[in-house]
Amino acid sequence: MRKMNRGMITALGAISVAQALKIVTHKVVAGKWDWQQAFTTGGMPSSHSAGVAALASYVAANKGARHTETALAVVFGAIVMYDAQGIRRHTGEIARLVNDLEDSFMKISGEFPSFEFTERDKDLKELLGHQPVEVFAGAGFGILMGVVSAKLENRERELEQQKKLPYNGRKTRADYR
């Protein structure tokens, strides 16, 4: 992975795994497997939060907390997480109300023949955002992924540096085995 952008791979990996985890959490909550959960918005854990938290923690672990790149990742990550549990969640709640209102109009139109109402083909999507616990779970998972990825990369770098060090002429324990 030396020639790839490890931070981007880490963030995309966290998003992918979080999306896959939605299948498992749906099974636990609903009692049935639903493979479509891997392609939905909303749900547990938040893949948006997992991705931005993985990137921010990866950058922080590699560059340090005082680095500008860390600040950028944290600030934009906070905006994404706020949006996921705030604006997008409220949009889903409004969609639920509109769908309920449409159901009420259907009932009223049946009672009043002069009332003209055309039903939509499908309801508005209601599960758009996340509850705060879903955002925190995604962020926690992302932080774990980011730190582990940074530690693995640092370990690979250390091993690579050890290979490049010249032989100093001293015998080590491995030489006596």
N, C-alpha and C. Protein backbone atom coordinates (compact mmCIF):
# COMPACT_ATOMS: atom_id res chain seq x y z
N MET A 1 0.82 -1.19 0.00
CA MET A 1 0.00 0.00 0.00
C MET A 1 0.86 1.25 0.00
N ARG A 2 2.13 1.11 -0.26
CA ARG A 2 3.04 2.25 -0.19
C ARG A 2 2.69 3.35 -1.18
N LYS A 3 2.25 2.99 -2.36
CA LYS A 3 2.02 4.00 -3.40
C LYS A 3 0.59 4.51 -3.41
N MET A 4 -0.23 4.02 -2.49
CA MET A 4 -1.62 4.46 -2.43
C MET A 4 -1.79 5.48 -1.31
N ASN A 5 -2.87 6.24 -1.39
CA ASN A 5 -3.19 7.19 -0.34
C ASN A 5 -3.84 6.42 0.81
N ARG A 6 -3.07 6.12 1.82
CA ARG A 6 -3.53 5.27 2.93
C ARG A 6 -4.71 5.91 3.67
N GLY A 7 -4.70 7.23 3.80
CA GLY A 7 -5.81 7.90 4.48
C GLY A 7 -7.12 7.72 3.74
N MET A 8 -7.08 7.84 2.43
CA MET A 8 -8.28 7.67 1.62
C MET A 8 -8.75 6.22 1.67
N ILE A 9 -7.83 5.29 1.58
CA ILE A 9 -8.17 3.87 1.65
C ILE A 9 -8.80 3.55 3.01
N THR A 10 -8.25 4.12 4.06
CA THR A 10 -8.77 3.90 5.41
C THR A 10 -10.20 4.43 5.54
N ALA A 11 -10.43 5.65 5.05
CA ALA A 11 -11.77 6.25 5.14
C ALA A 11 -12.79 5.46 4.32
N LEU A 12 -12.43 5.10 3.09
CA LEU A 12 -13.35 4.33 2.25
C LEU A 12 -13.58 2.93 2.82
N GLY A 13 -12.55 2.36 3.41
CA GLY A 13 -12.71 1.06 4.06
C GLY A 13 -13.66 1.14 5.24
N ALA A 14 -13.54 2.19 6.03
CA ALA A 14 -14.44 2.37 7.18
C ALA A 14 -15.88 2.55 6.71
N ILE A 15 -16.08 3.29 5.63
CA ILE A 15 -17.43 3.48 5.08
C ILE A 15 -17.99 2.14 4.63
N SER A 16 -17.19 1.37 3.92
CA SER A 16 -17.64 0.07 3.40
C SER A 16 -18.00 -0.90 4.52
N VAL A 17 -17.15 -0.98 5.52
CA VAL A 17 -17.41 -1.91 6.62
C VAL A 17 -18.64 -1.44 7.41
N ALA A 18 -18.78 -0.14 7.63
CA ALA A 18 -19.95 0.38 8.35
C ALA A 18 -21.23 0.07 7.58
N GLN A 19 -21.19 0.21 6.26
CA GLN A 19 -22.38 -0.12 5.46
C GLN A 19 -22.71 -1.61 5.59
N ALA A 20 -21.69 -2.45 5.59
CA ALA A 20 -21.92 -3.90 5.76
C ALA A 20 -22.47 -4.21 7.15
N LEU A 21 -22.01 -3.47 8.16
CA LEU A 21 -22.50 -3.69 9.52
C LEU A 21 -23.99 -3.37 9.66
N LYS A 22 -24.51 -2.52 8.77
CA LYS A 22 -25.94 -2.20 8.82
C LYS A 22 -26.80 -3.44 8.58
N ILE A 23 -26.29 -4.38 7.80
CA ILE A 23 -27.01 -5.64 7.56
C ILE A 23 -27.14 -6.40 8.87
N VAL A 24 -26.04 -6.46 9.62
CA VAL A 24 -26.04 -7.19 10.89
C VAL A 24 -26.93 -6.49 11.92
N THR A 25 -26.81 -5.17 12.04
CA THR A 25 -27.63 -4.47 13.03
C THR A 25 -29.11 -4.55 12.67
N HIS A 26 -29.44 -4.57 11.39
CA HIS A 26 -30.84 -4.72 10.98
C HIS A 26 -31.34 -6.10 11.38
N LYS A 27 -30.51 -7.12 11.23
CA LYS A 27 -30.88 -8.48 11.63
C LYS A 27 -31.17 -8.54 13.13
N VAL A 28 -30.32 -7.89 13.92
CA VAL A 28 -30.50 -7.88 15.37
C VAL A 28 -31.79 -7.15 15.75
N VAL A 29 -32.07 -6.03 15.11
CA VAL A 29 -33.24 -5.22 15.46
C VAL A 29 -34.53 -5.80 14.88
N ALA A 30 -34.51 -6.15 13.60
CA ALA A 30 -35.74 -6.57 12.91
C ALA A 30 -35.93 -8.09 12.90
N GLY A 31 -34.86 -8.82 13.17
CA GLY A 31 -34.97 -10.28 13.20
C GLY A 31 -34.88 -10.96 11.85
N LYS A 32 -34.56 -10.20 10.80
CA LYS A 32 -34.41 -10.82 9.48
C LYS A 32 -33.26 -10.17 8.72
N TRP A 33 -32.67 -10.96 7.83
CA TRP A 33 -31.57 -10.45 7.01
C TRP A 33 -32.14 -9.61 5.88
N ASP A 34 -31.56 -8.45 5.66
CA ASP A 34 -31.96 -7.59 4.56
C ASP A 34 -30.69 -7.02 3.93
N TRP A 35 -30.28 -7.62 2.81
CA TRP A 35 -29.04 -7.23 2.17
C TRP A 35 -29.10 -5.84 1.57
N GLN A 36 -30.30 -5.30 1.37
CA GLN A 36 -30.45 -3.95 0.84
C GLN A 36 -29.95 -2.89 1.82
N GLN A 37 -29.83 -3.26 3.10
CA GLN A 37 -29.34 -2.32 4.11
C GLN A 37 -27.93 -1.81 3.79
N ALA A 38 -27.17 -2.58 3.04
CA ALA A 38 -25.82 -2.17 2.67
C ALA A 38 -25.83 -0.98 1.70
N PHE A 39 -26.97 -0.70 1.11
CA PHE A 39 -27.06 0.37 0.12
C PHE A 39 -28.03 1.47 0.53
N THR A 40 -28.34 1.55 1.82
CA THR A 40 -29.30 2.55 2.29
C THR A 40 -28.60 3.67 3.04
N THR A 41 -29.33 4.77 3.18
CA THR A 41 -28.85 5.85 4.04
C THR A 41 -29.49 5.67 5.40
N GLY A 42 -28.92 6.26 6.40
CA GLY A 42 -29.44 6.12 7.75
C GLY A 42 -29.10 4.76 8.32
N GLY A 43 -29.48 4.54 9.56
CA GLY A 43 -29.24 3.25 10.19
C GLY A 43 -27.97 3.22 11.02
N MET A 44 -27.77 2.08 11.67
CA MET A 44 -26.66 1.90 12.60
C MET A 44 -25.58 1.04 11.98
N PRO A 45 -24.34 1.44 11.99
CA PRO A 45 -23.77 2.73 12.38
C PRO A 45 -23.76 3.69 11.20
N SER A 46 -23.50 4.94 11.48
CA SER A 46 -23.41 5.94 10.42
C SER A 46 -22.11 5.75 9.65
N SER A 47 -22.23 5.44 8.37
CA SER A 47 -21.02 5.25 7.56
C SER A 47 -20.34 6.59 7.25
N HIS A 48 -21.13 7.66 7.17
CA HIS A 48 -20.52 8.98 6.98
C HIS A 48 -19.61 9.31 8.17
N SER A 49 -20.13 9.08 9.37
CA SER A 49 -19.35 9.35 10.57
C SER A 49 -18.13 8.45 10.64
N ALA A 50 -18.30 7.19 10.28
CA ALA A 50 -17.17 6.26 10.29
C ALA A 50 -16.08 6.73 9.34
N GLY A 51 -16.44 7.16 8.15
CA GLY A 51 -15.46 7.60 7.17
C GLY A 51 -14.69 8.84 7.59
N VAL A 52 -15.42 9.87 8.04
CA VAL A 52 -14.72 11.11 8.41
C VAL A 52 -13.93 10.94 9.70
N ALA A 53 -14.42 10.13 10.63
CA ALA A 53 -13.68 9.89 11.87
C ALA A 53 -12.43 9.05 11.59
N ALA A 54 -12.54 8.09 10.68
CA ALA A 54 -11.37 7.29 10.31
C ALA A 54 -10.29 8.17 9.69
N LEU A 55 -10.70 9.06 8.80
CA LEU A 55 -9.73 9.95 8.16
C LEU A 55 -9.10 10.90 9.18
N ALA A 56 -9.92 11.50 10.03
CA ALA A 56 -9.40 12.45 11.01
C ALA A 56 -8.45 11.78 12.00
N SER A 57 -8.82 10.60 12.48
CA SER A 57 -7.94 9.93 13.45
C SER A 57 -6.67 9.40 12.78
N TYR A 58 -6.78 8.98 11.52
CA TYR A 58 -5.60 8.54 10.78
C TYR A 58 -4.62 9.70 10.61
N VAL A 59 -5.14 10.85 10.20
CA VAL A 59 -4.28 12.02 10.01
C VAL A 59 -3.68 12.46 11.34
N ALA A 60 -4.50 12.48 12.38
CA ALA A 60 -4.00 12.89 13.70
C ALA A 60 -2.92 11.95 14.20
N ALA A 61 -3.09 10.66 13.99
CA ALA A 61 -2.09 9.69 14.45
C ALA A 61 -0.79 9.81 13.68
N ASN A 62 -0.86 10.23 12.42
CA ASN A 62 0.35 10.36 11.60
C ASN A 62 0.99 11.74 11.67
N LYS A 63 0.18 12.78 11.68
CA LYS A 63 0.70 14.15 11.61
C LYS A 63 0.74 14.84 12.97
N GLY A 64 -0.09 14.38 13.89
CA GLY A 64 -0.18 15.04 15.19
C GLY A 64 -1.42 15.91 15.27
N ALA A 65 -1.87 16.14 16.47
CA ALA A 65 -3.12 16.88 16.69
C ALA A 65 -2.99 18.35 16.33
N ARG A 66 -1.79 18.90 16.32
CA ARG A 66 -1.62 20.33 16.06
C ARG A 66 -1.40 20.64 14.58
N HIS A 67 -1.45 19.66 13.72
CA HIS A 67 -1.19 19.86 12.29
C HIS A 67 -2.43 20.40 11.59
N THR A 68 -2.23 21.22 10.56
CA THR A 68 -3.33 21.82 9.82
C THR A 68 -4.21 20.76 9.16
N GLU A 69 -3.61 19.70 8.63
CA GLU A 69 -4.40 18.65 7.99
C GLU A 69 -5.34 17.97 9.00
N THR A 70 -4.88 17.83 10.23
CA THR A 70 -5.74 17.25 11.27
C THR A 70 -6.90 18.19 11.55
N ALA A 71 -6.63 19.48 11.64
CA ALA A 71 -7.69 20.45 11.89
C ALA A 71 -8.74 20.42 10.78
N LEU A 72 -8.28 20.37 9.54
CA LEU A 72 -9.22 20.30 8.41
C LEU A 72 -10.09 19.05 8.49
N ALA A 73 -9.47 17.91 8.74
CA ALA A 73 -10.23 16.65 8.80
C ALA A 73 -11.22 16.66 9.94
N VAL A 74 -10.83 17.19 11.09
CA VAL A 74 -11.73 17.22 12.25
C VAL A 74 -12.89 18.18 12.03
N VAL A 75 -12.61 19.36 11.52
CA VAL A 75 -13.68 20.35 11.32
C VAL A 75 -14.68 19.88 10.27
N PHE A 76 -14.19 19.40 9.14
CA PHE A 76 -15.12 18.92 8.12
C PHE A 76 -15.83 17.64 8.57
N GLY A 77 -15.16 16.82 9.35
CA GLY A 77 -15.80 15.64 9.91
C GLY A 77 -16.93 16.02 10.86
N ALA A 78 -16.70 17.03 11.68
CA ALA A 78 -17.75 17.48 12.61
C ALA A 78 -18.96 18.02 11.84
N ILE A 79 -18.71 18.72 10.75
CA ILE A 79 -19.81 19.25 9.93
C ILE A 79 -20.62 18.10 9.33
N VAL A 80 -19.94 17.09 8.81
CA VAL A 80 -20.62 15.94 8.22
C VAL A 80 -21.45 15.21 9.27
N MET A 81 -20.88 15.02 10.46
CA MET A 81 -21.62 14.30 11.51
C MET A 81 -22.80 15.12 12.02
N TYR A 82 -22.63 16.43 12.13
CA TYR A 82 -23.75 17.29 12.54
C TYR A 82 -24.87 17.22 11.51
N ASP A 83 -24.49 17.26 10.24
CA ASP A 83 -25.47 17.18 9.16
C ASP A 83 -26.20 15.84 9.18
N ALA A 84 -25.48 14.75 9.43
CA ALA A 84 -26.09 13.41 9.43
C ALA A 84 -27.13 13.27 10.52
N GLN A 85 -26.85 13.78 11.72
CA GLN A 85 -27.80 13.60 12.81
C GLN A 85 -28.74 14.79 12.96
N GLY A 86 -28.51 15.84 12.25
CA GLY A 86 -29.36 17.01 12.37
C GLY A 86 -30.25 17.20 11.16
N ILE A 87 -29.71 17.82 10.16
CA ILE A 87 -30.49 18.23 8.99
C ILE A 87 -31.06 17.04 8.24
N ARG A 88 -30.23 16.02 7.96
CA ARG A 88 -30.73 14.86 7.21
C ARG A 88 -31.77 14.09 8.00
N ARG A 89 -31.59 13.98 9.31
CA ARG A 89 -32.57 13.27 10.14
C ARG A 89 -33.90 14.02 10.14
N HIS A 90 -33.84 15.34 10.27
CA HIS A 90 -35.07 16.13 10.27
C HIS A 90 -35.77 16.08 8.91
N THR A 91 -35.00 16.01 7.84
CA THR A 91 -35.59 15.87 6.51
C THR A 91 -36.37 14.55 6.43
N GLY A 92 -35.81 13.49 7.00
CA GLY A 92 -36.51 12.21 7.03
C GLY A 92 -37.79 12.27 7.85
N GLU A 93 -37.75 13.01 8.96
CA GLU A 93 -38.95 13.16 9.79
C GLU A 93 -40.03 13.93 9.04
N ILE A 94 -39.63 14.95 8.29
CA ILE A 94 -40.58 15.71 7.48
C ILE A 94 -41.18 14.81 6.40
N ALA A 95 -40.34 13.97 5.79
CA ALA A 95 -40.83 13.04 4.76
C ALA A 95 -41.88 12.10 5.36
N ARG A 96 -41.67 11.64 6.59
CA ARG A 96 -42.64 10.77 7.26
C ARG A 96 -43.97 11.51 7.44
N LEU A 97 -43.91 12.77 7.84
CA LEU A 97 -45.13 13.57 8.02
C LEU A 97 -45.87 13.77 6.69
N VAL A 98 -45.11 14.03 5.62
CA VAL A 98 -45.72 14.22 4.30
C VAL A 98 -46.39 12.92 3.85
N ASN A 99 -45.73 11.79 4.08
CA ASN A 99 -46.33 10.50 3.72
C ASN A 99 -47.61 10.25 4.51
N ASP A 100 -47.61 10.58 5.81
CA ASP A 100 -48.82 10.43 6.63
C ASP A 100 -49.92 11.37 6.15
N LEU A 101 -49.53 12.58 5.78
CA LEU A 101 -50.51 13.55 5.28
C LEU A 101 -51.15 13.05 3.99
N GLU A 102 -50.33 12.45 3.13
CA GLU A 102 -50.86 11.90 1.89
C GLU A 102 -51.87 10.78 2.17
N ASP A 103 -51.57 9.94 3.16
CA ASP A 103 -52.51 8.88 3.54
C ASP A 103 -53.83 9.48 4.02
N SER A 104 -53.75 10.57 4.77
CA SER A 104 -54.96 11.24 5.24
C SER A 104 -55.76 11.81 4.07
N PHE A 105 -55.07 12.40 3.11
CA PHE A 105 -55.76 12.93 1.93
C PHE A 105 -56.47 11.83 1.16
N MET A 106 -55.84 10.65 1.10
CA MET A 106 -56.48 9.53 0.40
C MET A 106 -57.79 9.15 1.09
N LYS A 107 -57.80 9.14 2.41
CA LYS A 107 -59.02 8.82 3.15
C LYS A 107 -60.10 9.88 2.91
N ILE A 108 -59.69 11.14 2.95
CA ILE A 108 -60.64 12.23 2.76
C ILE A 108 -61.21 12.22 1.34
N SER A 109 -60.34 11.94 0.36
CA SER A 109 -60.82 11.96 -1.03
C SER A 109 -61.85 10.86 -1.28
N GLY A 110 -61.77 9.76 -0.53
CA GLY A 110 -62.76 8.69 -0.67
C GLY A 110 -64.11 9.11 -0.12
N GLU A 111 -64.13 9.97 0.89
CA GLU A 111 -65.37 10.42 1.52
C GLU A 111 -66.02 11.58 0.77
N PHE A 112 -65.22 12.34 0.03
CA PHE A 112 -65.73 13.50 -0.71
C PHE A 112 -65.40 13.33 -2.20
N PRO A 113 -66.35 12.86 -2.98
CA PRO A 113 -66.08 12.59 -4.40
C PRO A 113 -65.63 13.84 -5.18
N SER A 114 -66.01 15.01 -4.74
CA SER A 114 -65.62 16.22 -5.48
C SER A 114 -64.17 16.61 -5.19
N PHE A 115 -63.59 16.03 -4.15
CA PHE A 115 -62.20 16.32 -3.80
C PHE A 115 -61.30 15.48 -4.69
N GLU A 116 -60.50 16.14 -5.50
CA GLU A 116 -59.64 15.42 -6.45
C GLU A 116 -58.23 15.30 -5.88
N PHE A 117 -57.74 14.08 -5.84
CA PHE A 117 -56.41 13.82 -5.29
C PHE A 117 -55.74 12.74 -6.12
N THR A 118 -54.49 13.01 -6.51
CA THR A 118 -53.71 12.04 -7.28
C THR A 118 -52.61 11.50 -6.39
N GLU A 119 -52.61 10.18 -6.22
CA GLU A 119 -51.63 9.53 -5.36
C GLU A 119 -50.29 9.40 -6.08
N ARG A 120 -49.21 9.63 -5.32
CA ARG A 120 -47.86 9.42 -5.86
C ARG A 120 -47.59 7.93 -6.03
N ASP A 121 -46.68 7.59 -6.92
CA ASP A 121 -46.33 6.19 -7.16
C ASP A 121 -45.67 5.55 -5.94
N LYS A 122 -44.82 6.30 -5.27
CA LYS A 122 -44.16 5.75 -4.09
C LYS A 122 -43.99 6.84 -3.04
N ASP A 123 -43.86 6.40 -1.79
CA ASP A 123 -43.68 7.34 -0.67
C ASP A 123 -42.31 7.98 -0.71
N LEU A 124 -42.19 9.11 -0.03
CA LEU A 124 -40.89 9.74 0.14
C LEU A 124 -40.03 8.87 1.05
N LYS A 125 -38.75 8.87 0.82
CA LYS A 125 -37.83 8.08 1.65
C LYS A 125 -37.73 8.74 3.03
N GLU A 126 -37.99 7.95 4.06
CA GLU A 126 -38.03 8.49 5.41
C GLU A 126 -36.73 8.31 6.19
N LEU A 127 -35.96 7.28 5.89
CA LEU A 127 -34.73 7.03 6.63
C LEU A 127 -33.57 7.69 5.89
N LEU A 128 -33.32 8.94 6.23
CA LEU A 128 -32.27 9.70 5.56
C LEU A 128 -31.08 9.98 6.47
N GLY A 129 -31.34 10.30 7.70
CA GLY A 129 -30.29 10.69 8.63
C GLY A 129 -30.10 9.67 9.73
N HIS A 130 -29.51 10.11 10.81
CA HIS A 130 -29.14 9.22 11.90
C HIS A 130 -29.56 9.79 13.25
N GLN A 131 -29.84 8.88 14.16
CA GLN A 131 -29.99 9.25 15.55
C GLN A 131 -28.58 9.52 16.10
N PRO A 132 -28.47 10.34 17.16
CA PRO A 132 -27.13 10.63 17.69
C PRO A 132 -26.33 9.38 18.06
N VAL A 133 -26.98 8.35 18.59
CA VAL A 133 -26.25 7.13 18.96
C VAL A 133 -25.65 6.46 17.72
N GLU A 134 -26.32 6.53 16.58
CA GLU A 134 -25.80 5.96 15.34
C GLU A 134 -24.57 6.72 14.86
N VAL A 135 -24.61 8.05 15.03
CA VAL A 135 -23.46 8.89 14.65
C VAL A 135 -22.27 8.58 15.57
N PHE A 136 -22.52 8.49 16.88
CA PHE A 136 -21.44 8.19 17.82
C PHE A 136 -20.85 6.80 17.57
N ALA A 137 -21.69 5.83 17.27
CA ALA A 137 -21.20 4.48 16.99
C ALA A 137 -20.33 4.49 15.73
N GLY A 138 -20.78 5.19 14.69
CA GLY A 138 -19.98 5.29 13.47
C GLY A 138 -18.66 6.00 13.72
N ALA A 139 -18.71 7.07 14.51
CA ALA A 139 -17.48 7.81 14.81
C ALA A 139 -16.51 6.95 15.61
N GLY A 140 -17.02 6.22 16.59
CA GLY A 140 -16.16 5.34 17.39
C GLY A 140 -15.50 4.27 16.54
N PHE A 141 -16.30 3.66 15.67
CA PHE A 141 -15.76 2.65 14.76
C PHE A 141 -14.71 3.27 13.84
N GLY A 142 -14.99 4.46 13.31
CA GLY A 142 -14.05 5.14 12.41
C GLY A 142 -12.75 5.50 13.10
N ILE A 143 -12.84 5.97 14.33
CA ILE A 143 -11.62 6.29 15.09
C ILE A 143 -10.76 5.05 15.26
N LEU A 144 -11.40 3.95 15.62
CA LEU A 144 -10.68 2.69 15.77
C LEU A 144 -9.98 2.30 14.46
N MET A 145 -10.71 2.37 13.34
CA MET A 145 -10.13 2.02 12.04
C MET A 145 -8.96 2.95 11.69
N GLY A 146 -9.12 4.25 11.94
CA GLY A 146 -8.08 5.21 11.61
C GLY A 146 -6.81 5.00 12.41
N VAL A 147 -6.95 4.78 13.71
CA VAL A 147 -5.78 4.57 14.57
C VAL A 147 -5.08 3.27 14.21
N VAL A 148 -5.85 2.21 14.00
CA VAL A 148 -5.25 0.92 13.63
C VAL A 148 -4.50 1.04 12.30
N SER A 149 -5.09 1.71 11.33
CA SER A 149 -4.44 1.87 10.03
C SER A 149 -3.15 2.67 10.16
N ALA A 150 -3.18 3.74 10.95
CA ALA A 150 -1.97 4.55 11.14
C ALA A 150 -0.88 3.75 11.85
N LYS A 151 -1.26 2.97 12.85
CA LYS A 151 -0.27 2.16 13.58
C LYS A 151 0.35 1.10 12.66
N LEU A 152 -0.49 0.49 11.83
CA LEU A 152 0.03 -0.50 10.86
C LEU A 152 1.00 0.15 9.89
N GLU A 153 0.64 1.32 9.39
CA GLU A 153 1.52 2.02 8.46
C GLU A 153 2.84 2.41 9.13
N ASN A 154 2.77 2.89 10.36
CA ASN A 154 3.99 3.27 11.07
C ASN A 154 4.87 2.04 11.32
N ARG A 155 4.26 0.91 11.63
CA ARG A 155 5.02 -0.33 11.84
C ARG A 155 5.69 -0.76 10.54
N GLU A 156 4.97 -0.66 9.43
CA GLU A 156 5.55 -1.01 8.13
C GLU A 156 6.74 -0.10 7.82
N ARG A 157 6.62 1.19 8.13
CA ARG A 157 7.71 2.14 7.92
C ARG A 157 8.93 1.78 8.75
N GLU A 158 8.69 1.42 10.02
CA GLU A 158 9.80 1.03 10.90
C GLU A 158 10.52 -0.20 10.36
N LEU A 159 9.77 -1.19 9.92
CA LEU A 159 10.39 -2.40 9.37
C LEU A 159 11.18 -2.08 8.10
N GLU A 160 10.64 -1.20 7.29
CA GLU A 160 11.33 -0.79 6.06
C GLU A 160 12.63 -0.06 6.39
N GLN A 161 12.61 0.78 7.41
CA GLN A 161 13.82 1.51 7.83
C GLN A 161 14.87 0.55 8.38
N GLN A 162 14.42 -0.46 9.11
CA GLN A 162 15.37 -1.44 9.66
C GLN A 162 16.07 -2.21 8.55
N LYS A 163 15.35 -2.48 7.46
CA LYS A 163 15.97 -3.18 6.33
C LYS A 163 17.05 -2.32 5.66
N LYS A 164 16.88 -1.01 5.69
CA LYS A 164 17.81 -0.11 5.02
C LYS A 164 19.04 0.20 5.86
N LEU A 165 19.00 -0.09 7.17
CA LEU A 165 20.14 0.22 8.03
C LEU A 165 21.33 -0.66 7.66
N PRO A 166 22.53 -0.07 7.63
CA PRO A 166 23.71 -0.87 7.29
C PRO A 166 24.08 -1.81 8.44
N TYR A 167 24.73 -2.91 8.09
CA TYR A 167 25.18 -3.88 9.09
C TYR A 167 26.34 -3.25 9.85
N ASN A 168 26.28 -3.27 11.19
CA ASN A 168 27.32 -2.60 11.98
C ASN A 168 28.44 -3.53 12.42
N GLY A 169 28.42 -4.78 11.99
CA GLY A 169 29.50 -5.70 12.33
C GLY A 169 29.30 -6.44 13.63
N ARG A 170 28.33 -6.06 14.43
CA ARG A 170 28.09 -6.75 15.70
C ARG A 170 27.15 -7.92 15.49
N LYS A 171 27.39 -8.95 16.25
CA LYS A 171 26.52 -10.11 16.17
C LYS A 171 25.29 -9.88 17.04
N THR A 172 24.15 -10.38 16.56
CA THR A 172 22.90 -10.29 17.33
C THR A 172 22.52 -11.69 17.77
N ARG A 173 21.49 -11.80 18.57
CA ARG A 173 21.00 -13.10 19.01
C ARG A 173 20.63 -13.99 17.82
N ALA A 174 20.12 -13.40 16.78
CA ALA A 174 19.71 -14.18 15.61
C ALA A 174 20.94 -14.84 14.96
N ASP A 175 22.12 -14.22 15.07
CA ASP A 175 23.32 -14.78 14.47
C ASP A 175 23.77 -16.05 15.19
N TYR A 176 23.41 -16.21 16.45
CA TYR A 176 23.83 -17.37 17.23
C TYR A 176 22.86 -18.54 17.17
N ARG A 177 21.74 -18.39 16.52
CA ARG A 177 20.74 -19.47 16.44
C ARG A 177 21.04 -20.43 15.35
